[in-house]
Protein backbone atom coordinates (compact mmCIF):
# COMPACT_ATOMS: atom_id res chain seq x y z
CA MET A 1 194.54 303.30 81.05
CA GLU A 2 192.60 301.86 78.13
CA LEU A 3 194.17 298.46 78.85
CA ILE A 4 192.95 298.44 82.46
CA ARG A 5 189.48 299.53 81.35
CA SER A 6 189.29 296.66 78.80
CA VAL A 7 190.40 294.05 81.32
CA THR A 8 187.99 295.38 83.96
CA ALA A 9 185.11 295.38 81.48
CA ALA A 10 185.91 291.76 80.52
CA PHE A 11 185.93 290.71 84.20
CA CYS A 12 182.62 292.47 84.86
CA PHE A 13 180.94 290.98 81.80
CA VAL A 14 182.09 287.42 82.47
CA GLY A 15 181.26 287.75 86.18
CA LEU A 16 177.75 288.93 85.37
CA ALA A 17 177.29 286.18 82.79
CA ALA A 18 178.53 283.55 85.27
CA THR A 19 176.06 284.74 87.90
CA ILE A 20 173.14 284.67 85.46
CA PHE A 21 174.03 281.22 84.10
CA ASP A 22 174.49 279.91 87.63
CA TYR A 23 170.91 280.84 88.49
CA ILE A 24 169.31 279.47 85.31
CA SER A 25 171.25 276.20 84.93
CA PRO A 26 169.08 273.21 85.93
CA SER A 27 171.74 270.76 87.13
CA GLU A 28 175.08 270.78 88.90
CA SER A 29 176.93 269.13 85.99
CA LEU A 30 175.63 271.77 83.60
CA ARG A 31 176.80 274.49 86.01
CA LEU A 32 180.30 273.05 85.96
CA ASN A 33 180.36 273.01 82.17
CA ILE A 34 179.09 276.58 81.95
CA LYS A 35 181.70 277.75 84.45
CA GLN A 36 184.46 276.08 82.42
CA ILE A 37 183.29 277.75 79.23
CA LEU A 38 183.02 281.12 80.93
CA ALA A 39 186.51 280.70 82.41
CA LEU A 40 187.88 280.12 78.91
CA ILE A 41 186.06 283.19 77.65
CA LEU A 42 187.49 285.18 80.55
CA ILE A 43 191.03 284.05 79.77
CA ILE A 44 190.66 284.91 76.08
CA SER A 45 189.10 288.27 76.85
CA MET A 46 191.91 289.07 79.30
CA LEU A 47 194.60 288.19 76.76
CA THR A 48 193.06 290.18 73.92
CA PRO A 49 193.97 293.67 75.25
CA PHE A 50 197.56 292.55 75.90
CA LEU A 51 198.04 290.91 72.50
CA GLY A 52 196.26 293.60 70.55
CA SER A 53 193.30 293.44 68.23
CA ASP A 54 195.04 291.05 65.83
CA LEU A 55 194.20 288.02 67.98
CA GLU A 56 192.07 285.61 65.98
CA LEU A 57 190.90 282.14 66.82
CA ARG A 58 190.71 280.02 63.72
CA LEU A 59 189.04 276.67 63.46
CA PRO A 60 189.37 274.51 60.38
CA LYS A 61 186.46 274.84 58.05
CA LEU A 62 184.00 272.07 58.75
CA ASN A 63 183.23 271.68 55.05
CA GLU A 64 186.85 270.84 54.29
CA ILE A 65 186.82 268.05 56.88
CA THR A 66 183.43 266.59 55.97
CA ASP A 67 184.31 266.49 52.28
CA LEU A 68 187.16 264.08 52.90
CA LYS A 69 186.61 260.48 51.79
CA GLU A 70 188.18 259.15 55.01
CA TYR A 71 185.78 261.18 57.15
CA ASN A 72 182.75 259.81 55.32
CA GLU A 73 184.03 256.22 55.58
CA LEU A 74 184.74 256.60 59.29
CA ASN A 75 181.38 258.23 59.91
CA GLU A 76 179.55 255.43 58.08
CA SER A 77 181.51 252.76 59.96
CA VAL A 78 180.72 254.34 63.33
CA ASN A 79 177.04 254.64 62.44
CA LYS A 80 176.83 250.98 61.41
CA SER A 81 178.59 249.85 64.59
CA TYR A 82 176.30 252.00 66.71
CA GLU A 83 173.21 250.63 64.96
CA LYS A 84 174.40 247.03 65.41
CA VAL A 85 175.12 247.46 69.12
CA LEU A 86 171.83 249.26 69.67
CA LYS A 87 169.80 246.59 67.88
CA ASN A 88 171.57 243.70 69.65
CA THR A 89 171.03 245.28 73.05
CA LEU A 90 167.37 245.92 72.31
CA GLU A 91 166.86 242.40 70.95
CA ASN A 92 168.40 240.82 74.07
CA ARG A 93 166.31 242.90 76.45
CA VAL A 94 163.09 242.28 74.55
CA LEU A 95 163.89 238.55 74.39
CA GLU A 96 164.27 238.41 78.19
CA LYS A 97 160.94 240.15 78.69
CA LEU A 98 159.14 237.96 76.18
CA GLN A 99 160.60 234.75 77.62
CA ALA A 100 158.95 235.72 80.90
CA ILE A 101 155.62 235.45 79.06
CA ASP A 102 156.43 232.23 77.19
CA GLU A 103 159.62 230.18 77.60
CA ASN A 104 159.22 228.77 74.07
CA ILE A 105 160.32 232.09 72.58
CA LYS A 106 163.88 231.46 71.44
CA LYS A 107 164.86 234.42 69.30
CA VAL A 108 163.85 238.01 68.59
CA VAL A 109 164.98 239.89 65.48
CA ILE A 110 164.24 243.59 65.33
CA GLN A 111 164.24 245.39 62.02
CA ALA A 112 164.98 249.05 62.66
CA ASP A 113 166.78 252.07 61.32
CA VAL A 114 168.79 254.67 63.19
CA HIS A 115 167.48 258.09 62.32
CA GLU A 116 168.47 261.62 63.06
CA TYR A 117 169.61 262.33 66.62
CA ASN A 118 170.53 258.62 67.04
CA SER A 119 166.93 257.54 67.56
CA LEU A 120 166.03 254.00 66.67
CA GLU A 121 162.80 253.53 64.72
CA VAL A 122 161.55 249.95 64.92
CA GLU A 123 159.72 248.83 61.81
CA LYS A 124 159.14 245.15 62.51
CA THR A 125 159.79 242.61 65.25
CA GLU A 126 160.21 238.96 64.31
CA ILE A 127 159.53 236.51 67.14
CA TYR A 128 160.75 232.94 66.76
CA ILE A 129 158.88 230.39 68.87
CA LYS A 130 159.87 226.76 69.39
CA ALA A 131 156.25 225.56 69.64
CA LYS A 132 154.28 225.20 66.43
CA ASP A 133 151.38 227.25 67.68
CA ILE A 134 150.85 229.95 70.26
CA SER A 135 147.59 231.00 71.86
CA GLU A 136 145.93 234.26 70.93
CA GLU A 137 146.08 235.31 74.58
CA LYS A 138 149.88 234.97 74.63
CA LYS A 139 150.16 236.76 71.29
CA LYS A 140 148.23 239.70 72.73
CA LYS A 141 150.45 239.73 75.84
CA ILE A 142 153.55 239.66 73.63
CA GLU A 143 152.25 242.47 71.41
CA GLU A 144 151.39 244.52 74.51
CA GLU A 145 154.88 243.95 75.93
CA LEU A 146 156.40 245.01 72.61
CA LYS A 147 154.24 248.13 72.55
CA ASN A 148 155.35 249.03 76.09
CA ASN A 149 159.05 248.46 75.38
CA ILE A 150 159.71 249.48 71.78
CA GLY A 151 156.61 251.34 70.69
CA GLU A 152 154.30 250.68 67.81
CA SER A 153 155.80 248.05 65.57
CA LYS A 154 154.55 245.16 63.52
CA ALA A 155 155.00 241.80 65.28
CA GLU A 156 155.43 238.67 63.19
CA PHE A 157 155.58 235.16 64.63
CA TYR A 158 157.68 232.38 63.12
CA GLU A 159 158.50 228.82 64.05
CA TYR A 160 161.98 228.48 65.50
CA LYS A 161 164.19 225.87 63.82
CA GLU A 162 167.59 224.96 65.19
């Protein structure tokens, strides 16, 4: 009798939780994820009365994994690759936008760091121009375009040499 009561209580709890989460979840994809998680909880809670109270789910200690030399090397490699791809993509997009202002702009180099939560903080933008001089009006347009696309950053202009 105790077994049936435990299983029934698990069904009621998970059913109630599913209903509440269904109403408060903002998007359809989030609803699907919540339902999958709740289904796993339901399965585990149904198995627990049958297997007894000795059922334990054990995950490896995160500290043991993160202390490994290989983990740190892999993590650093992934971060550097991510930063490189992010900077190259940003440089190409900014270059396209700036070339719409002046076709003499040949290269853009963005100096930035990837910070916490994978956000890119741009420190400086180097703009290489084929012409020896550029008008102040175009410089202001370029700086405004940079501000609109990558935020506040220092813009430096250099002569482009092939």
